[in-house]
Amino acid sequence: MRSTCPINLSLEIFGDRWTLLVLRDMIFTGARHFRELLNGPERISSNILADRLAQLVEHGLLTKAEDPSHRQKVVYSLTEQAIQLVPVFVQLGAWGTRYLPVGDEYAARGEVLATGGPAAVAAFMDELREAHLGPGSRRRPAPAGPAIAAQMQAAYTAALDRAGGGRPAAR
């Protein structure tokens, strides 16, 4: 008999590193196309990526649609279920930053969310809703000032610059 424990059921979806890394890249770097996800820093193989994307669509965490800018491409979008995972990713990142040898550029992104607290996390989730679910999907008005995603990218880029710029700014 299959366990109905919520942790077990969740691990059936998220129990391998690739699934979480695909979601991470979509959430934190804005990757939406197969090729963008394929070129992530961990270098996932194309067959594993195709499988994970299909599983995420099947489980309702992503949607897949034709890319209006290119007939032979598809664009993947986060669903509300996936956006609800942002606080989990923030906590995983905070734990990793505290206990593991994390690169400064990655810690810088997380610091933006940690410093901003729950309000920054909520604002970032709304930015994702607008980008992935469409205009009018925010739950609250956009706060004044730069977007959280822009702040995270600026922190990432600044950390890369301090370290000598060894990686591309898009990641």
N, C-alpha and C. Protein backbone atom coordinates (compact mmCIF):
# COMPACT_ATOMS: atom_id res chain seq x y z
N MET A 1 0.84 -1.18 0.00
CA MET A 1 0.00 0.00 0.00
C MET A 1 0.89 1.25 0.00
N ARG A 2 0.51 2.21 -0.76
CA ARG A 2 1.27 3.46 -0.91
C ARG A 2 1.02 4.38 0.28
N SER A 3 2.08 4.97 0.78
CA SER A 3 1.98 5.89 1.90
C SER A 3 1.31 7.18 1.46
N THR A 4 0.42 7.68 2.30
CA THR A 4 -0.23 8.96 2.02
C THR A 4 0.36 10.08 2.86
N CYS A 5 1.54 9.84 3.41
CA CYS A 5 2.26 10.87 4.16
C CYS A 5 2.54 12.05 3.22
N PRO A 6 2.28 13.29 3.64
CA PRO A 6 2.50 14.43 2.74
C PRO A 6 3.96 14.60 2.32
N ILE A 7 4.89 14.25 3.18
CA ILE A 7 6.30 14.36 2.81
C ILE A 7 6.63 13.31 1.75
N ASN A 8 6.16 12.08 1.94
CA ASN A 8 6.37 11.04 0.94
C ASN A 8 5.76 11.42 -0.40
N LEU A 9 4.53 11.88 -0.40
CA LEU A 9 3.87 12.25 -1.65
C LEU A 9 4.59 13.41 -2.33
N SER A 10 5.07 14.36 -1.56
CA SER A 10 5.83 15.49 -2.13
C SER A 10 7.15 14.99 -2.72
N LEU A 11 7.81 14.08 -2.02
CA LEU A 11 9.08 13.54 -2.53
C LEU A 11 8.90 12.74 -3.81
N GLU A 12 7.71 12.20 -4.02
CA GLU A 12 7.45 11.51 -5.28
C GLU A 12 7.54 12.49 -6.46
N ILE A 13 7.27 13.75 -6.21
CA ILE A 13 7.39 14.77 -7.26
C ILE A 13 8.77 15.41 -7.23
N PHE A 14 9.24 15.80 -6.05
CA PHE A 14 10.45 16.62 -5.92
C PHE A 14 11.67 15.84 -5.43
N GLY A 15 11.61 14.53 -5.41
CA GLY A 15 12.65 13.73 -4.77
C GLY A 15 13.98 13.63 -5.48
N ASP A 16 14.13 14.25 -6.63
CA ASP A 16 15.44 14.23 -7.27
C ASP A 16 15.92 15.67 -7.47
N ARG A 17 17.21 15.84 -7.54
CA ARG A 17 17.77 17.19 -7.61
C ARG A 17 17.37 17.93 -8.87
N TRP A 18 17.20 17.23 -9.99
CA TRP A 18 16.93 17.92 -11.25
C TRP A 18 15.60 18.65 -11.24
N THR A 19 14.59 18.05 -10.65
CA THR A 19 13.28 18.69 -10.61
C THR A 19 13.36 20.01 -9.86
N LEU A 20 14.02 20.00 -8.72
CA LEU A 20 14.16 21.23 -7.94
C LEU A 20 15.02 22.26 -8.67
N LEU A 21 16.05 21.81 -9.38
CA LEU A 21 16.91 22.75 -10.09
C LEU A 21 16.20 23.37 -11.30
N VAL A 22 15.34 22.62 -11.96
CA VAL A 22 14.55 23.18 -13.06
C VAL A 22 13.63 24.27 -12.50
N LEU A 23 12.96 23.98 -11.40
CA LEU A 23 12.10 24.99 -10.78
C LEU A 23 12.91 26.19 -10.29
N ARG A 24 14.08 25.93 -9.70
CA ARG A 24 14.94 27.02 -9.24
C ARG A 24 15.28 27.96 -10.39
N ASP A 25 15.69 27.39 -11.53
CA ASP A 25 16.08 28.23 -12.66
C ASP A 25 14.89 29.02 -13.21
N MET A 26 13.73 28.43 -13.20
CA MET A 26 12.55 29.16 -13.67
C MET A 26 12.18 30.28 -12.69
N ILE A 27 12.27 30.00 -11.41
CA ILE A 27 11.88 30.98 -10.39
C ILE A 27 12.91 32.09 -10.28
N PHE A 28 14.17 31.75 -10.17
CA PHE A 28 15.18 32.76 -9.82
C PHE A 28 15.95 33.34 -11.00
N THR A 29 15.97 32.67 -12.15
CA THR A 29 16.70 33.25 -13.29
C THR A 29 15.78 33.63 -14.43
N GLY A 30 14.51 33.25 -14.35
CA GLY A 30 13.57 33.60 -15.40
C GLY A 30 13.63 32.70 -16.62
N ALA A 31 14.33 31.58 -16.54
CA ALA A 31 14.41 30.65 -17.67
C ALA A 31 13.01 30.14 -17.99
N ARG A 32 12.66 30.15 -19.27
CA ARG A 32 11.33 29.71 -19.68
C ARG A 32 11.35 28.73 -20.85
N HIS A 33 12.50 28.62 -21.53
CA HIS A 33 12.63 27.76 -22.70
C HIS A 33 13.57 26.58 -22.41
N PHE A 34 13.36 25.52 -23.15
CA PHE A 34 14.15 24.31 -22.99
C PHE A 34 15.65 24.61 -23.02
N ARG A 35 16.08 25.36 -24.03
CA ARG A 35 17.51 25.64 -24.20
C ARG A 35 18.07 26.44 -23.03
N GLU A 36 17.30 27.39 -22.49
CA GLU A 36 17.75 28.15 -21.33
C GLU A 36 17.95 27.23 -20.13
N LEU A 37 17.02 26.32 -19.93
CA LEU A 37 17.12 25.37 -18.81
C LEU A 37 18.26 24.39 -19.02
N LEU A 38 18.47 23.99 -20.25
CA LEU A 38 19.54 23.05 -20.59
C LEU A 38 20.91 23.66 -20.29
N ASN A 39 21.04 24.96 -20.42
CA ASN A 39 22.31 25.64 -20.22
C ASN A 39 22.54 26.11 -18.79
N GLY A 40 21.80 25.59 -17.84
CA GLY A 40 22.00 25.94 -16.43
C GLY A 40 23.37 25.53 -15.95
N PRO A 41 23.78 26.05 -14.82
CA PRO A 41 25.15 25.81 -14.33
C PRO A 41 25.46 24.34 -14.02
N GLU A 42 24.45 23.53 -13.75
CA GLU A 42 24.70 22.12 -13.41
C GLU A 42 24.73 21.22 -14.64
N ARG A 43 24.39 21.74 -15.80
CA ARG A 43 24.49 21.03 -17.08
C ARG A 43 23.66 19.74 -17.12
N ILE A 44 22.37 19.86 -16.93
CA ILE A 44 21.45 18.74 -17.04
C ILE A 44 21.47 18.19 -18.46
N SER A 45 21.32 16.89 -18.60
CA SER A 45 21.26 16.30 -19.95
C SER A 45 19.88 16.55 -20.55
N SER A 46 19.82 16.58 -21.87
CA SER A 46 18.56 16.93 -22.54
C SER A 46 17.45 15.92 -22.28
N ASN A 47 17.79 14.62 -22.21
CA ASN A 47 16.73 13.63 -21.96
C ASN A 47 16.19 13.74 -20.54
N ILE A 48 17.03 14.02 -19.57
CA ILE A 48 16.57 14.20 -18.18
C ILE A 48 15.71 15.46 -18.09
N LEU A 49 16.16 16.55 -18.72
CA LEU A 49 15.39 17.79 -18.70
C LEU A 49 14.02 17.58 -19.32
N ALA A 50 13.96 16.94 -20.47
CA ALA A 50 12.67 16.69 -21.13
C ALA A 50 11.75 15.89 -20.21
N ASP A 51 12.30 14.87 -19.55
CA ASP A 51 11.51 14.06 -18.63
C ASP A 51 10.99 14.89 -17.45
N ARG A 52 11.87 15.70 -16.85
CA ARG A 52 11.45 16.49 -15.68
C ARG A 52 10.42 17.54 -16.06
N LEU A 53 10.59 18.17 -17.21
CA LEU A 53 9.60 19.15 -17.65
C LEU A 53 8.25 18.47 -17.87
N ALA A 54 8.24 17.32 -18.48
CA ALA A 54 6.99 16.58 -18.70
C ALA A 54 6.33 16.21 -17.37
N GLN A 55 7.14 15.78 -16.39
CA GLN A 55 6.59 15.45 -15.07
C GLN A 55 6.01 16.67 -14.38
N LEU A 56 6.70 17.81 -14.47
CA LEU A 56 6.22 19.03 -13.83
C LEU A 56 4.92 19.52 -14.48
N VAL A 57 4.80 19.36 -15.79
CA VAL A 57 3.55 19.69 -16.47
C VAL A 57 2.46 18.73 -16.02
N GLU A 58 2.78 17.43 -15.99
CA GLU A 58 1.80 16.41 -15.58
C GLU A 58 1.29 16.65 -14.16
N HIS A 59 2.16 17.09 -13.27
CA HIS A 59 1.77 17.33 -11.87
C HIS A 59 1.16 18.71 -11.64
N GLY A 60 1.04 19.50 -12.70
CA GLY A 60 0.38 20.79 -12.58
C GLY A 60 1.24 21.91 -12.02
N LEU A 61 2.57 21.74 -12.06
CA LEU A 61 3.47 22.79 -11.57
C LEU A 61 3.92 23.72 -12.68
N LEU A 62 3.85 23.24 -13.91
CA LEU A 62 4.19 24.04 -15.08
C LEU A 62 3.10 23.89 -16.12
N THR A 63 3.00 24.90 -16.98
CA THR A 63 2.21 24.78 -18.20
C THR A 63 3.16 24.92 -19.37
N LYS A 64 2.74 24.41 -20.50
CA LYS A 64 3.56 24.42 -21.71
C LYS A 64 2.70 24.99 -22.83
N ALA A 65 3.24 25.98 -23.54
CA ALA A 65 2.49 26.59 -24.63
C ALA A 65 3.44 26.91 -25.78
N GLU A 66 2.88 27.06 -26.97
CA GLU A 66 3.69 27.47 -28.11
C GLU A 66 4.22 28.87 -27.85
N ASP A 67 5.46 29.09 -28.23
CA ASP A 67 6.07 30.41 -28.10
C ASP A 67 5.60 31.27 -29.26
N PRO A 68 4.91 32.38 -28.97
CA PRO A 68 4.42 33.21 -30.07
C PRO A 68 5.52 33.85 -30.91
N SER A 69 6.74 33.91 -30.38
CA SER A 69 7.84 34.53 -31.11
C SER A 69 8.58 33.55 -32.02
N HIS A 70 8.31 32.23 -31.86
CA HIS A 70 9.03 31.23 -32.65
C HIS A 70 8.20 29.96 -32.73
N ARG A 71 7.82 29.57 -33.94
CA ARG A 71 6.92 28.43 -34.13
C ARG A 71 7.45 27.11 -33.58
N GLN A 72 8.76 26.93 -33.60
CA GLN A 72 9.29 25.64 -33.19
C GLN A 72 9.70 25.59 -31.72
N LYS A 73 9.40 26.64 -30.98
CA LYS A 73 9.75 26.67 -29.56
C LYS A 73 8.49 26.60 -28.71
N VAL A 74 8.68 26.14 -27.49
CA VAL A 74 7.60 26.22 -26.50
C VAL A 74 8.11 27.04 -25.33
N VAL A 75 7.17 27.60 -24.61
CA VAL A 75 7.51 28.37 -23.42
C VAL A 75 6.84 27.68 -22.23
N TYR A 76 7.59 27.53 -21.16
CA TYR A 76 7.07 26.93 -19.94
C TYR A 76 6.75 28.05 -18.96
N SER A 77 5.67 27.88 -18.24
CA SER A 77 5.27 28.86 -17.23
C SER A 77 5.00 28.16 -15.92
N LEU A 78 5.33 28.85 -14.84
CA LEU A 78 5.00 28.36 -13.51
C LEU A 78 3.50 28.47 -13.29
N THR A 79 2.94 27.54 -12.56
CA THR A 79 1.54 27.64 -12.12
C THR A 79 1.54 28.21 -10.70
N GLU A 80 0.37 28.50 -10.20
CA GLU A 80 0.27 28.99 -8.81
C GLU A 80 0.84 27.97 -7.84
N GLN A 81 0.65 26.69 -8.11
CA GLN A 81 1.23 25.65 -7.24
C GLN A 81 2.74 25.80 -7.14
N ALA A 82 3.40 26.03 -8.26
CA ALA A 82 4.85 26.19 -8.26
C ALA A 82 5.26 27.48 -7.58
N ILE A 83 4.53 28.55 -7.81
CA ILE A 83 4.85 29.83 -7.18
C ILE A 83 4.74 29.72 -5.66
N GLN A 84 3.82 28.89 -5.18
CA GLN A 84 3.67 28.68 -3.74
C GLN A 84 4.90 27.99 -3.12
N LEU A 85 5.79 27.46 -3.94
CA LEU A 85 7.02 26.84 -3.44
C LEU A 85 8.12 27.85 -3.15
N VAL A 86 7.96 29.12 -3.55
CA VAL A 86 9.00 30.12 -3.34
C VAL A 86 9.47 30.17 -1.89
N PRO A 87 8.59 30.22 -0.89
CA PRO A 87 9.09 30.25 0.49
C PRO A 87 9.94 29.01 0.85
N VAL A 88 9.62 27.87 0.27
CA VAL A 88 10.42 26.66 0.51
C VAL A 88 11.81 26.84 -0.08
N PHE A 89 11.89 27.36 -1.29
CA PHE A 89 13.20 27.63 -1.91
C PHE A 89 13.98 28.66 -1.11
N VAL A 90 13.30 29.68 -0.62
CA VAL A 90 13.98 30.70 0.19
C VAL A 90 14.57 30.06 1.44
N GLN A 91 13.83 29.19 2.09
CA GLN A 91 14.33 28.52 3.29
C GLN A 91 15.47 27.56 2.97
N LEU A 92 15.37 26.82 1.87
CA LEU A 92 16.47 25.93 1.46
C LEU A 92 17.73 26.75 1.19
N GLY A 93 17.56 27.88 0.50
CA GLY A 93 18.69 28.75 0.22
C GLY A 93 19.31 29.32 1.48
N ALA A 94 18.47 29.74 2.42
CA ALA A 94 18.97 30.30 3.68
C ALA A 94 19.74 29.23 4.47
N TRP A 95 19.21 28.02 4.49
CA TRP A 95 19.90 26.93 5.18
C TRP A 95 21.24 26.67 4.50
N GLY A 96 21.24 26.56 3.17
CA GLY A 96 22.48 26.30 2.44
C GLY A 96 23.51 27.40 2.64
N THR A 97 23.05 28.65 2.66
CA THR A 97 23.97 29.77 2.86
C THR A 97 24.59 29.72 4.25
N ARG A 98 23.82 29.28 5.21
CA ARG A 98 24.31 29.23 6.59
C ARG A 98 25.29 28.08 6.81
N TYR A 99 25.05 26.94 6.18
CA TYR A 99 25.81 25.74 6.53
C TYR A 99 26.71 25.16 5.43
N LEU A 100 26.66 25.70 4.23
CA LEU A 100 27.42 25.13 3.12
C LEU A 100 28.29 26.20 2.46
N PRO A 101 29.32 25.80 1.73
CA PRO A 101 30.21 26.78 1.08
C PRO A 101 29.59 27.37 -0.20
N VAL A 102 28.62 28.23 -0.03
CA VAL A 102 27.85 28.81 -1.13
C VAL A 102 28.64 29.94 -1.78
N GLY A 103 28.54 30.05 -3.10
CA GLY A 103 29.16 31.15 -3.81
C GLY A 103 28.52 32.48 -3.42
N ASP A 104 29.34 33.50 -3.28
CA ASP A 104 28.83 34.82 -2.87
C ASP A 104 27.74 35.34 -3.78
N GLU A 105 27.85 35.07 -5.08
CA GLU A 105 26.84 35.58 -6.02
C GLU A 105 25.47 34.97 -5.76
N TYR A 106 25.44 33.70 -5.35
CA TYR A 106 24.16 33.05 -5.06
C TYR A 106 23.63 33.49 -3.70
N ALA A 107 24.52 33.65 -2.75
CA ALA A 107 24.11 34.14 -1.43
C ALA A 107 23.53 35.54 -1.54
N ALA A 108 24.05 36.35 -2.46
CA ALA A 108 23.59 37.73 -2.63
C ALA A 108 22.12 37.77 -3.03
N ARG A 109 21.70 36.87 -3.91
CA ARG A 109 20.28 36.82 -4.31
C ARG A 109 19.40 36.52 -3.10
N GLY A 110 19.79 35.50 -2.35
CA GLY A 110 19.01 35.11 -1.19
C GLY A 110 18.97 36.19 -0.13
N GLU A 111 20.05 36.93 -0.01
CA GLU A 111 20.12 38.02 0.98
C GLU A 111 19.06 39.08 0.71
N VAL A 112 18.77 39.33 -0.55
CA VAL A 112 17.73 40.31 -0.89
C VAL A 112 16.40 39.87 -0.30
N LEU A 113 16.08 38.59 -0.44
CA LEU A 113 14.82 38.08 0.10
C LEU A 113 14.86 38.01 1.62
N ALA A 114 15.99 37.57 2.18
CA ALA A 114 16.11 37.47 3.64
C ALA A 114 16.00 38.84 4.29
N THR A 115 16.67 39.84 3.72
CA THR A 115 16.64 41.19 4.28
C THR A 115 15.24 41.79 4.17
N GLY A 116 14.59 41.52 3.05
CA GLY A 116 13.25 42.07 2.84
C GLY A 116 12.16 41.34 3.60
N GLY A 117 12.47 40.14 4.10
CA GLY A 117 11.52 39.38 4.89
C GLY A 117 10.29 38.93 4.12
N PRO A 118 9.23 38.59 4.84
CA PRO A 118 8.01 38.08 4.19
C PRO A 118 7.43 39.03 3.14
N ALA A 119 7.57 40.34 3.33
CA ALA A 119 7.04 41.28 2.34
C ALA A 119 7.77 41.14 1.01
N ALA A 120 9.10 40.95 1.06
CA ALA A 120 9.87 40.78 -0.17
C ALA A 120 9.52 39.46 -0.86
N VAL A 121 9.34 38.41 -0.08
CA VAL A 121 8.96 37.11 -0.64
C VAL A 121 7.59 37.22 -1.31
N ALA A 122 6.65 37.86 -0.65
CA ALA A 122 5.30 38.03 -1.21
C ALA A 122 5.35 38.88 -2.49
N ALA A 123 6.15 39.94 -2.48
CA ALA A 123 6.27 40.79 -3.67
C ALA A 123 6.90 40.01 -4.82
N PHE A 124 7.92 39.20 -4.51
CA PHE A 124 8.56 38.38 -5.55
C PHE A 124 7.56 37.37 -6.12
N MET A 125 6.76 36.76 -5.27
CA MET A 125 5.76 35.81 -5.74
C MET A 125 4.76 36.51 -6.66
N ASP A 126 4.40 37.74 -6.34
CA ASP A 126 3.50 38.50 -7.21
C ASP A 126 4.16 38.82 -8.55
N GLU A 127 5.45 39.12 -8.53
CA GLU A 127 6.16 39.35 -9.79
C GLU A 127 6.12 38.09 -10.66
N LEU A 128 6.32 36.94 -10.03
CA LEU A 128 6.25 35.67 -10.76
C LEU A 128 4.84 35.44 -11.30
N ARG A 129 3.83 35.74 -10.49
CA ARG A 129 2.45 35.58 -10.97
C ARG A 129 2.22 36.42 -12.22
N GLU A 130 2.65 37.66 -12.17
CA GLU A 130 2.44 38.54 -13.31
C GLU A 130 3.18 38.03 -14.54
N ALA A 131 4.42 37.57 -14.36
CA ALA A 131 5.23 37.08 -15.49
C ALA A 131 4.71 35.76 -16.06
N HIS A 132 4.23 34.87 -15.19
CA HIS A 132 3.86 33.53 -15.63
C HIS A 132 2.36 33.31 -15.80
N LEU A 133 1.56 34.00 -15.02
CA LEU A 133 0.11 33.80 -15.08
C LEU A 133 -0.60 34.91 -15.83
N GLY A 134 0.10 36.05 -16.02
CA GLY A 134 -0.45 37.12 -16.83
C GLY A 134 -0.80 38.36 -16.03
N PRO A 135 -1.03 39.46 -16.75
CA PRO A 135 -1.39 40.72 -16.09
C PRO A 135 -2.66 40.54 -15.24
N GLY A 136 -2.70 41.24 -14.15
CA GLY A 136 -3.87 41.15 -13.27
C GLY A 136 -3.84 39.98 -12.30
N SER A 137 -2.75 39.22 -12.29
CA SER A 137 -2.71 38.05 -11.40
C SER A 137 -2.02 38.35 -10.07
N ARG A 138 -1.53 39.57 -9.90
CA ARG A 138 -0.94 39.95 -8.60
C ARG A 138 -2.01 39.89 -7.52
N ARG A 139 -1.58 39.61 -6.32
CA ARG A 139 -2.50 39.60 -5.18
C ARG A 139 -2.54 40.94 -4.48
N ARG A 140 -1.49 41.76 -4.67
CA ARG A 140 -1.43 43.10 -4.09
C ARG A 140 -0.75 44.02 -5.09
N PRO A 141 -0.95 45.30 -4.95
CA PRO A 141 -0.30 46.24 -5.88
C PRO A 141 1.22 46.13 -5.79
N ALA A 142 1.87 46.43 -6.90
CA ALA A 142 3.33 46.40 -6.92
C ALA A 142 3.87 47.47 -5.97
N PRO A 143 4.83 47.10 -5.12
CA PRO A 143 5.41 48.10 -4.22
C PRO A 143 6.24 49.13 -4.99
N ALA A 144 6.43 50.28 -4.38
CA ALA A 144 7.27 51.31 -5.00
C ALA A 144 8.71 50.83 -5.02
N GLY A 145 9.47 51.32 -5.97
CA GLY A 145 10.89 50.97 -6.04
C GLY A 145 11.13 49.84 -7.02
N PRO A 146 12.38 49.43 -7.11
CA PRO A 146 12.73 48.38 -8.08
C PRO A 146 12.10 47.04 -7.70
N ALA A 147 11.80 46.24 -8.71
CA ALA A 147 11.24 44.91 -8.50
C ALA A 147 12.23 44.05 -7.71
N ILE A 148 11.71 43.10 -6.98
CA ILE A 148 12.55 42.18 -6.20
C ILE A 148 13.48 41.41 -7.14
N ALA A 149 12.95 40.94 -8.27
CA ALA A 149 13.79 40.20 -9.22
C ALA A 149 14.95 41.08 -9.70
N ALA A 150 14.69 42.34 -9.96
CA ALA A 150 15.74 43.26 -10.39
C ALA A 150 16.76 43.48 -9.27
N GLN A 151 16.29 43.56 -8.04
CA GLN A 151 17.20 43.71 -6.90
C GLN A 151 18.08 42.48 -6.75
N MET A 152 17.49 41.29 -6.93
CA MET A 152 18.28 40.05 -6.83
C MET A 152 19.31 39.98 -7.94
N GLN A 153 18.92 40.36 -9.16
CA GLN A 153 19.87 40.33 -10.28
C GLN A 153 21.00 41.33 -10.04
N ALA A 154 20.67 42.52 -9.53
CA ALA A 154 21.70 43.52 -9.25
C ALA A 154 22.66 43.03 -8.17
N ALA A 155 22.14 42.37 -7.14
CA ALA A 155 22.99 41.83 -6.08
C ALA A 155 23.89 40.73 -6.62
N TYR A 156 23.35 39.88 -7.46
CA TYR A 156 24.11 38.80 -8.09
C TYR A 156 25.23 39.37 -8.95
N THR A 157 24.90 40.35 -9.79
CA THR A 157 25.88 40.97 -10.67
C THR A 157 26.97 41.68 -9.88
N ALA A 158 26.58 42.39 -8.82
CA ALA A 158 27.57 43.08 -7.98
C ALA A 158 28.52 42.08 -7.33
N ALA A 159 28.00 40.95 -6.87
CA ALA A 159 28.86 39.93 -6.27
C ALA A 159 29.81 39.34 -7.31
N LEU A 160 29.31 39.13 -8.53
CA LEU A 160 30.19 38.65 -9.61
C LEU A 160 31.29 39.66 -9.90
N ASP A 161 30.92 40.94 -9.94
CA ASP A 161 31.90 41.99 -10.20
C ASP A 161 32.98 42.02 -9.12
N ARG A 162 32.56 41.87 -7.87
CA ARG A 162 33.53 41.85 -6.76
C ARG A 162 34.48 40.66 -6.89
N ALA A 163 33.95 39.55 -7.42
CA ALA A 163 34.76 38.34 -7.54
C ALA A 163 35.56 38.29 -8.84
N GLY A 164 35.43 39.30 -9.67
CA GLY A 164 36.18 39.31 -10.92
C GLY A 164 35.36 38.93 -12.13
N GLY A 165 34.05 38.74 -11.97
CA GLY A 165 33.16 38.52 -13.12
C GLY A 165 33.34 37.20 -13.82
N GLY A 166 33.61 36.12 -13.09
CA GLY A 166 33.89 34.84 -13.72
C GLY A 166 32.72 34.13 -14.35
N ARG A 167 31.49 34.62 -14.20
CA ARG A 167 30.32 33.92 -14.76
C ARG A 167 29.43 34.90 -15.48
N PRO A 168 28.59 34.40 -16.38
CA PRO A 168 27.69 35.31 -17.10
C PRO A 168 26.63 35.89 -16.16
N ALA A 169 26.24 37.13 -16.39
CA ALA A 169 25.29 37.83 -15.52
C ALA A 169 23.89 37.25 -15.57
N ALA A 170 23.52 36.49 -16.60
CA ALA A 170 22.17 35.98 -16.73
C ALA A 170 21.86 34.88 -15.73
N ARG A 171 22.82 34.20 -15.21
CA ARG A 171 22.57 33.10 -14.27
C ARG A 171 22.50 33.69 -12.92
